[in-house]
């Protein structure tokens, strides 16, 4: 991706995510209501914790993502996209479309607000256990190079948009996201199975980047991000 195109892409992404966040903040979330939906479900929507865990840390065995602390605006958008069938995952994730449809706009905001309100706790993917169980696991040190520097002539550094070790606030936080989920999503972006990313010149930004990544690149990036520290170069934690 040329530098000028990447800068434009970054600006559009910033605007896109900023609008999502502002939309999510236009009406205040009911944190207690969101907690109730997360723990107990509502109507035809099952309890979120059934797949994502009691503390919303996610589940590598199920391919379920961490939801805690990844960004209120991002979660609101994803739930809206599920409800509108703009995002149609396979496997266990296919249930998300029906669950999201069963929730009102306010319900989705409430759940997102609750997840964003949780105090951060670390829960890293266990790469050794995943490898022992037969999952192909990448190399964090090689992933770190792509996250921080990109691949010359191919893709920009992940941190250009997602921040240090994937901790961005305006973009979805992918730091310490679950390994299996990261691999699955990057693979889906690459194949076009997931296509709810913002576009530049009719090309999906994440799809455009992911299609230039090899399986090994995806595994390495995911290995680093799923286990990387949340301490900035200056020592501050987020």
C-alpha atoms as a PDB file:
ATOM      1  CA  UNK A   1       0.000   0.000   0.000  1.00  0.00           C
ATOM      2  CA  UNK A   2       1.495   3.369  -1.020  1.00  0.00           C
ATOM      3  CA  UNK A   3       2.233   5.823   1.756  1.00  0.00           C
ATOM      4  CA  UNK A   4      -0.362   8.353   0.543  1.00  0.00           C
ATOM      5  CA  UNK A   5      -3.051   5.678   0.335  1.00  0.00           C
ATOM      6  CA  UNK A   6      -2.178   4.424   3.790  1.00  0.00           C
ATOM      7  CA  UNK A   7      -2.406   7.932   5.256  1.00  0.00           C
ATOM      8  CA  UNK A   8      -5.833   8.365   3.665  1.00  0.00           C
ATOM      9  CA  UNK A   9      -6.851   4.931   4.950  1.00  0.00           C
ATOM     10  CA  UNK A  10      -5.709   5.837   8.439  1.00  0.00           C
ATOM     11  CA  UNK A  11      -7.652   9.104   8.370  1.00  0.00           C
ATOM     12  CA  UNK A  12     -10.797   7.347   7.220  1.00  0.00           C
ATOM     13  CA  UNK A  13     -10.372   4.677   9.858  1.00  0.00           C
ATOM     14  CA  UNK A  14      -9.920   7.340  12.505  1.00  0.00           C
ATOM     15  CA  UNK A  15     -13.063   9.128  11.350  1.00  0.00           C
ATOM     16  CA  UNK A  16     -15.008   5.880  11.068  1.00  0.00           C
ATOM     17  CA  UNK A  17     -14.120   4.730  14.558  1.00  0.00           C
ATOM     18  CA  UNK A  18     -14.551   8.188  16.054  1.00  0.00           C
ATOM     19  CA  UNK A  19     -18.069   8.328  14.626  1.00  0.00           C
ATOM     20  CA  UNK A  20     -18.811   4.865  16.035  1.00  0.00           C
ATOM     21  CA  UNK A  21     -17.635   5.949  19.455  1.00  0.00           C
ATOM     22  CA  UNK A  22     -19.560   9.220  19.383  1.00  0.00           C
ATOM     23  CA  UNK A  23     -22.688   7.378  18.262  1.00  0.00           C
ATOM     24  CA  UNK A  24     -22.244   4.989  21.173  1.00  0.00           C
ATOM     25  CA  UNK A  25     -21.878   7.930  23.561  1.00  0.00           C
ATOM     26  CA  UNK A  26     -24.849   9.915  22.256  1.00  0.00           C
ATOM     27  CA  UNK A  27     -27.043   8.058  24.740  1.00  0.00           C
ATOM     28  CA  UNK A  28     -25.533   6.946  28.020  1.00  0.00           C
ATOM     29  CA  UNK A  29     -25.324   3.185  28.537  1.00  0.00           C
ATOM     30  CA  UNK A  30     -27.085   1.536  31.446  1.00  0.00           C
ATOM     31  CA  UNK A  31     -24.157  -0.335  32.961  1.00  0.00           C
ATOM     32  CA  UNK A  32     -26.291  -2.399  35.325  1.00  0.00           C
ATOM     33  CA  UNK A  33     -28.614  -3.330  32.466  1.00  0.00           C
ATOM     34  CA  UNK A  34     -25.665  -4.351  30.321  1.00  0.00           C
ATOM     35  CA  UNK A  35     -24.272  -6.494  33.112  1.00  0.00           C
ATOM     36  CA  UNK A  36     -27.618  -8.259  33.471  1.00  0.00           C
ATOM     37  CA  UNK A  37     -27.781  -9.040  29.749  1.00  0.00           C
ATOM     38  CA  UNK A  38     -24.166 -10.216  29.748  1.00  0.00           C
ATOM     39  CA  UNK A  39     -24.755 -12.543  32.701  1.00  0.00           C
ATOM     40  CA  UNK A  40     -28.322 -13.674  32.074  1.00  0.00           C
ATOM     41  CA  UNK A  41     -29.180 -12.903  28.457  1.00  0.00           C
ATOM     42  CA  UNK A  42     -32.422 -11.288  27.341  1.00  0.00           C
ATOM     43  CA  UNK A  43     -35.263 -12.874  25.404  1.00  0.00           C
ATOM     44  CA  UNK A  44     -33.818 -14.898  22.527  1.00  0.00           C
ATOM     45  CA  UNK A  45     -30.310 -13.579  23.231  1.00  0.00           C
ATOM     46  CA  UNK A  46     -28.322 -16.012  25.340  1.00  0.00           C
ATOM     47  CA  UNK A  47     -26.058 -14.858  28.163  1.00  0.00           C
ATOM     48  CA  UNK A  48     -22.819 -13.538  26.681  1.00  0.00           C
ATOM     49  CA  UNK A  49     -20.763 -15.131  29.434  1.00  0.00           C
ATOM     50  CA  UNK A  50     -21.698 -18.594  28.167  1.00  0.00           C
ATOM     51  CA  UNK A  51     -19.128 -18.275  25.384  1.00  0.00           C
ATOM     52  CA  UNK A  52     -17.050 -15.247  26.335  1.00  0.00           C
ATOM     53  CA  UNK A  53     -16.493 -16.192  29.962  1.00  0.00           C
ATOM     54  CA  UNK A  54     -17.605 -14.829  33.306  1.00  0.00           C
ATOM     55  CA  UNK A  55     -15.143 -11.940  33.050  1.00  0.00           C
ATOM     56  CA  UNK A  56     -15.440 -11.556  29.264  1.00  0.00           C
ATOM     57  CA  UNK A  57     -11.873 -12.762  28.723  1.00  0.00           C
ATOM     58  CA  UNK A  58     -12.811 -14.914  25.734  1.00  0.00           C
ATOM     59  CA  UNK A  59     -12.151 -18.589  25.096  1.00  0.00           C
ATOM     60  CA  UNK A  60      -9.499 -19.981  22.764  1.00  0.00           C
ATOM     61  CA  UNK A  61     -11.124 -23.428  22.706  1.00  0.00           C
ATOM     62  CA  UNK A  62     -14.322 -21.922  21.281  1.00  0.00           C
ATOM     63  CA  UNK A  63     -12.660 -19.226  19.215  1.00  0.00           C
ATOM     64  CA  UNK A  64     -14.607 -16.675  21.270  1.00  0.00           C
ATOM     65  CA  UNK A  65     -12.972 -13.234  21.534  1.00  0.00           C
ATOM     66  CA  UNK A  66     -12.143 -11.234  24.594  1.00  0.00           C
ATOM     67  CA  UNK A  67     -14.807  -8.534  24.956  1.00  0.00           C
ATOM     68  CA  UNK A  68     -13.648  -6.809  28.123  1.00  0.00           C
ATOM     69  CA  UNK A  69     -11.927  -3.470  27.480  1.00  0.00           C
ATOM     70  CA  UNK A  70     -11.749  -3.705  23.672  1.00  0.00           C
ATOM     71  CA  UNK A  71     -13.752  -0.517  23.104  1.00  0.00           C
ATOM     72  CA  UNK A  72     -17.376   0.502  23.599  1.00  0.00           C
ATOM     73  CA  UNK A  73     -17.805   2.029  20.143  1.00  0.00           C
ATOM     74  CA  UNK A  74     -16.332  -1.022  18.440  1.00  0.00           C
ATOM     75  CA  UNK A  75     -18.640  -3.431  20.264  1.00  0.00           C
ATOM     76  CA  UNK A  76     -21.694  -1.305  19.458  1.00  0.00           C
ATOM     77  CA  UNK A  77     -20.745  -1.350  15.771  1.00  0.00           C
ATOM     78  CA  UNK A  78     -20.110  -5.090  15.682  1.00  0.00           C
ATOM     79  CA  UNK A  79     -23.405  -5.904  17.373  1.00  0.00           C
ATOM     80  CA  UNK A  80     -25.163  -3.614  14.908  1.00  0.00           C
ATOM     81  CA  UNK A  81     -23.406  -5.312  12.001  1.00  0.00           C
ATOM     82  CA  UNK A  82     -24.396  -8.750  13.327  1.00  0.00           C
ATOM     83  CA  UNK A  83     -28.006  -7.598  13.644  1.00  0.00           C
ATOM     84  CA  UNK A  84     -27.979  -6.258  10.068  1.00  0.00           C
ATOM     85  CA  UNK A  85     -26.178  -9.359   8.722  1.00  0.00           C
ATOM     86  CA  UNK A  86     -23.270  -7.222   7.589  1.00  0.00           C
ATOM     87  CA  UNK A  87     -21.036  -9.614   9.472  1.00  0.00           C
ATOM     88  CA  UNK A  88     -21.899 -13.313   9.244  1.00  0.00           C
ATOM     89  CA  UNK A  89     -19.363 -15.532  11.023  1.00  0.00           C
ATOM     90  CA  UNK A  90     -19.329 -19.307  10.789  1.00  0.00           C
ATOM     91  CA  UNK A  91     -18.920 -21.917  13.509  1.00  0.00           C
ATOM     92  CA  UNK A  92     -20.058 -21.013  17.006  1.00  0.00           C
ATOM     93  CA  UNK A  93     -19.981 -17.345  16.041  1.00  0.00           C
ATOM     94  CA  UNK A  94     -22.917 -17.837  13.655  1.00  0.00           C
ATOM     95  CA  UNK A  95     -25.223 -17.549  16.661  1.00  0.00           C
ATOM     96  CA  UNK A  96     -24.249 -13.896  17.065  1.00  0.00           C
ATOM     97  CA  UNK A  97     -26.568 -12.700  14.304  1.00  0.00           C
ATOM     98  CA  UNK A  98     -29.666 -14.026  16.026  1.00  0.00           C
ATOM     99  CA  UNK A  99     -28.525 -12.855  19.444  1.00  0.00           C
ATOM    100  CA  UNK A 100     -27.824  -9.329  18.178  1.00  0.00           C
ATOM    101  CA  UNK A 101     -31.202  -9.147  16.420  1.00  0.00           C
ATOM    102  CA  UNK A 102     -32.876  -9.987  19.734  1.00  0.00           C
ATOM    103  CA  UNK A 103     -31.336  -6.917  21.378  1.00  0.00           C
ATOM    104  CA  UNK A 104     -32.458  -3.321  20.939  1.00  0.00           C
ATOM    105  CA  UNK A 105     -30.022  -0.527  20.097  1.00  0.00           C
ATOM    106  CA  UNK A 106     -30.079   0.471  23.770  1.00  0.00           C
ATOM    107  CA  UNK A 107     -29.437  -3.124  24.868  1.00  0.00           C
ATOM    108  CA  UNK A 108     -26.375  -3.309  22.639  1.00  0.00           C
ATOM    109  CA  UNK A 109     -25.094  -0.012  23.992  1.00  0.00           C
ATOM    110  CA  UNK A 110     -25.701  -1.196  27.553  1.00  0.00           C
ATOM    111  CA  UNK A 111     -23.708  -4.404  27.018  1.00  0.00           C
ATOM    112  CA  UNK A 112     -20.890  -2.482  25.340  1.00  0.00           C
ATOM    113  CA  UNK A 113     -20.863   0.082  28.143  1.00  0.00           C
ATOM    114  CA  UNK A 114     -20.682  -2.637  30.760  1.00  0.00           C
ATOM    115  CA  UNK A 115     -17.783  -4.380  29.015  1.00  0.00           C
ATOM    116  CA  UNK A 116     -15.951  -1.075  28.666  1.00  0.00           C
ATOM    117  CA  UNK A 117     -16.455  -0.310  32.362  1.00  0.00           C
ATOM    118  CA  UNK A 118     -14.666  -3.423  33.613  1.00  0.00           C
ATOM    119  CA  UNK A 119     -11.358  -2.947  35.369  1.00  0.00           C
ATOM    120  CA  UNK A 120      -8.627  -4.392  33.192  1.00  0.00           C
ATOM    121  CA  UNK A 121      -7.380  -7.844  34.100  1.00  0.00           C
ATOM    122  CA  UNK A 122      -4.771  -9.821  32.190  1.00  0.00           C
ATOM    123  CA  UNK A 123      -5.723 -13.181  30.725  1.00  0.00           C
ATOM    124  CA  UNK A 124      -3.250 -14.297  28.075  1.00  0.00           C
ATOM    125  CA  UNK A 125      -3.670 -17.077  25.568  1.00  0.00           C
ATOM    126  CA  UNK A 126      -1.670 -20.142  26.612  1.00  0.00           C
ATOM    127  CA  UNK A 127       0.335 -20.726  23.453  1.00  0.00           C
ATOM    128  CA  UNK A 128       2.101 -23.795  24.828  1.00  0.00           C
ATOM    129  CA  UNK A 129      -1.187 -25.511  25.635  1.00  0.00           C
ATOM    130  CA  UNK A 130      -2.629 -24.591  22.253  1.00  0.00           C
ATOM    131  CA  UNK A 131       0.420 -26.048  20.509  1.00  0.00           C
ATOM    132  CA  UNK A 132       0.228 -29.194  22.633  1.00  0.00           C
ATOM    133  CA  UNK A 133      -3.390 -29.621  21.553  1.00  0.00           C
ATOM    134  CA  UNK A 134      -2.418 -29.443  17.891  1.00  0.00           C
ATOM    135  CA  UNK A 135      -3.056 -25.779  17.100  1.00  0.00           C
ATOM    136  CA  UNK A 136      -0.420 -24.258  14.858  1.00  0.00           C
ATOM    137  CA  UNK A 137       1.122 -21.431  16.870  1.00  0.00           C
ATOM    138  CA  UNK A 138       3.254 -18.620  15.538  1.00  0.00           C
ATOM    139  CA  UNK A 139       6.379 -17.006  16.931  1.00  0.00           C
ATOM    140  CA  UNK A 140       5.775 -13.896  19.069  1.00  0.00           C
ATOM    141  CA  UNK A 141       9.184 -12.381  18.307  1.00  0.00           C
ATOM    142  CA  UNK A 142       8.507 -12.436  14.567  1.00  0.00           C
ATOM    143  CA  UNK A 143       5.001 -11.123  15.134  1.00  0.00           C
ATOM    144  CA  UNK A 144       6.370  -8.214  17.121  1.00  0.00           C
ATOM    145  CA  UNK A 145       8.352  -7.056  14.087  1.00  0.00           C
ATOM    146  CA  UNK A 146       5.213  -6.898  11.941  1.00  0.00           C
ATOM    147  CA  UNK A 147       3.130  -5.240  14.667  1.00  0.00           C
ATOM    148  CA  UNK A 148       5.747  -2.568  15.309  1.00  0.00           C
ATOM    149  CA  UNK A 149       7.422  -2.185  11.897  1.00  0.00           C
ATOM    150  CA  UNK A 150       5.165  -3.801   9.303  1.00  0.00           C
ATOM    151  CA  UNK A 151       6.549  -5.690   6.323  1.00  0.00           C
ATOM    152  CA  UNK A 152       8.515  -3.428   4.009  1.00  0.00           C
ATOM    153  CA  UNK A 153       6.803  -3.002   0.680  1.00  0.00           C
ATOM    154  CA  UNK A 154       3.783  -5.076   1.770  1.00  0.00           C
ATOM    155  CA  UNK A 155       1.886  -3.911   4.852  1.00  0.00           C
ATOM    156  CA  UNK A 156       2.112  -1.090   7.422  1.00  0.00           C
ATOM    157  CA  UNK A 157       2.779  -1.713  11.095  1.00  0.00           C
ATOM    158  CA  UNK A 158      -0.325  -2.813  12.976  1.00  0.00           C
ATOM    159  CA  UNK A 159       0.455  -0.263  15.671  1.00  0.00           C
ATOM    160  CA  UNK A 160       0.086   2.587  13.175  1.00  0.00           C
ATOM    161  CA  UNK A 161      -3.667   2.261  13.702  1.00  0.00           C
ATOM    162  CA  UNK A 162      -4.055   0.006  16.721  1.00  0.00           C
ATOM    163  CA  UNK A 163      -1.419   1.653  18.906  1.00  0.00           C
ATOM    164  CA  UNK A 164       1.415   0.281  21.011  1.00  0.00           C
ATOM    165  CA  UNK A 165       1.009  -3.503  21.200  1.00  0.00           C
ATOM    166  CA  UNK A 166      -2.529  -3.098  19.891  1.00  0.00           C
ATOM    167  CA  UNK A 167      -3.812  -0.980  22.782  1.00  0.00           C
ATOM    168  CA  UNK A 168      -5.583   1.729  20.748  1.00  0.00           C
ATOM    169  CA  UNK A 169      -8.551   3.590  22.185  1.00  0.00           C
ATOM    170  CA  UNK A 170     -10.102   4.886  18.940  1.00  0.00           C
ATOM    171  CA  UNK A 171      -9.600   1.567  17.193  1.00  0.00           C
ATOM    172  CA  UNK A 172     -10.500  -1.898  18.499  1.00  0.00           C
ATOM    173  CA  UNK A 173      -8.024  -2.983  21.152  1.00  0.00           C
ATOM    174  CA  UNK A 174      -6.340  -6.144  19.893  1.00  0.00           C
ATOM    175  CA  UNK A 175      -3.699  -6.334  22.592  1.00  0.00           C
ATOM    176  CA  UNK A 176      -4.166  -9.564  24.577  1.00  0.00           C
ATOM    177  CA  UNK A 177      -7.055 -10.581  22.353  1.00  0.00           C
ATOM    178  CA  UNK A 178      -7.364 -14.366  22.102  1.00  0.00           C
ATOM    179  CA  UNK A 179      -4.928 -16.101  19.754  1.00  0.00           C
ATOM    180  CA  UNK A 180      -7.460 -18.314  17.970  1.00  0.00           C
ATOM    181  CA  UNK A 181      -9.827 -15.401  17.422  1.00  0.00           C
ATOM    182  CA  UNK A 182      -7.072 -13.200  15.981  1.00  0.00           C
ATOM    183  CA  UNK A 183      -5.976 -15.943  13.579  1.00  0.00           C
ATOM    184  CA  UNK A 184      -9.572 -16.592  12.528  1.00  0.00           C
ATOM    185  CA  UNK A 185     -10.358 -12.915  11.932  1.00  0.00           C
ATOM    186  CA  UNK A 186      -7.203 -12.137   9.965  1.00  0.00           C
ATOM    187  CA  UNK A 187      -7.850 -15.246   7.881  1.00  0.00           C
ATOM    188  CA  UNK A 188     -11.468 -14.166   7.337  1.00  0.00           C
ATOM    189  CA  UNK A 189     -10.381 -10.647   6.340  1.00  0.00           C
ATOM    190  CA  UNK A 190      -7.922 -12.188   3.870  1.00  0.00           C
ATOM    191  CA  UNK A 191     -10.490 -14.472   2.237  1.00  0.00           C
ATOM    192  CA  UNK A 192     -13.243 -11.842   2.265  1.00  0.00           C
ATOM    193  CA  UNK A 193     -15.448 -13.976   4.514  1.00  0.00           C
ATOM    194  CA  UNK A 194     -15.475 -10.990   6.846  1.00  0.00           C
ATOM    195  CA  UNK A 195     -16.170  -7.771   4.988  1.00  0.00           C
ATOM    196  CA  UNK A 196     -17.476  -5.155   7.421  1.00  0.00           C
ATOM    197  CA  UNK A 197     -14.342  -3.023   7.375  1.00  0.00           C
ATOM    198  CA  UNK A 198     -14.333   0.568   6.077  1.00  0.00           C
ATOM    199  CA  UNK A 199     -13.248   0.901   2.447  1.00  0.00           C
ATOM    200  CA  UNK A 200     -10.937   3.095   0.387  1.00  0.00           C
ATOM    201  CA  UNK A 201     -11.477   3.085  -3.393  1.00  0.00           C
ATOM    202  CA  UNK A 202     -13.928   0.194  -2.908  1.00  0.00           C
ATOM    203  CA  UNK A 203     -11.267  -1.876  -1.179  1.00  0.00           C
ATOM    204  CA  UNK A 204     -11.740  -2.959   2.416  1.00  0.00           C
ATOM    205  CA  UNK A 205      -8.839  -1.656   4.481  1.00  0.00           C
ATOM    206  CA  UNK A 206      -8.400  -4.738   6.640  1.00  0.00           C
ATOM    207  CA  UNK A 207      -9.078  -7.014   3.701  1.00  0.00           C
ATOM    208  CA  UNK A 208      -6.481  -5.179   1.653  1.00  0.00           C
ATOM    209  CA  UNK A 209      -3.881  -5.593   4.370  1.00  0.00           C
ATOM    210  CA  UNK A 210      -4.733  -9.182   5.315  1.00  0.00           C
ATOM    211  CA  UNK A 211      -4.592 -10.468   1.753  1.00  0.00           C
ATOM    212  CA  UNK A 212      -0.889  -9.612   1.747  1.00  0.00           C
ATOM    213  CA  UNK A 213      -0.214 -11.740   4.823  1.00  0.00           C
ATOM    214  CA  UNK A 214       0.866 -15.372   4.703  1.00  0.00           C
ATOM    215  CA  UNK A 215      -0.434 -17.986   7.125  1.00  0.00           C
ATOM    216  CA  UNK A 216       2.830 -17.648   9.019  1.00  0.00           C
ATOM    217  CA  UNK A 217       2.501 -13.856   9.184  1.00  0.00           C
ATOM    218  CA  UNK A 218      -1.002 -14.188  10.617  1.00  0.00           C
ATOM    219  CA  UNK A 219       0.098 -16.774  13.174  1.00  0.00           C
ATOM    220  CA  UNK A 220       3.111 -14.702  14.213  1.00  0.00           C
ATOM    221  CA  UNK A 221       1.103 -11.482  14.584  1.00  0.00           C
ATOM    222  CA  UNK A 222      -1.530 -13.312  16.620  1.00  0.00           C
ATOM    223  CA  UNK A 223       1.069 -14.975  18.831  1.00  0.00           C
ATOM    224  CA  UNK A 224       2.608 -11.622  19.705  1.00  0.00           C
ATOM    225  CA  UNK A 225      -0.597  -9.665  20.224  1.00  0.00           C
ATOM    226  CA  UNK A 226      -2.300 -12.357  22.308  1.00  0.00           C
ATOM    227  CA  UNK A 227       0.593 -12.420  24.783  1.00  0.00           C
ATOM    228  CA  UNK A 228       2.116  -8.937  24.565  1.00  0.00           C
ATOM    229  CA  UNK A 229       2.423  -6.666  27.606  1.00  0.00           C
ATOM    230  CA  UNK A 230       0.220  -3.622  28.121  1.00  0.00           C
ATOM    231  CA  UNK A 231       3.112  -1.457  29.278  1.00  0.00           C
ATOM    232  CA  UNK A 232       4.040   1.422  27.012  1.00  0.00           C
ATOM    233  CA  UNK A 233       7.645   2.425  26.211  1.00  0.00           C
ATOM    234  CA  UNK A 234       7.327   5.068  28.955  1.00  0.00           C
ATOM    235  CA  UNK A 235       6.176   2.474  31.471  1.00  0.00           C
ATOM    236  CA  UNK A 236       2.513   3.558  31.624  1.00  0.00           C
ATOM    237  CA  UNK A 237      -0.213   0.953  31.727  1.00  0.00           C
ATOM    238  CA  UNK A 238      -3.586   1.327  30.039  1.00  0.00           C
END
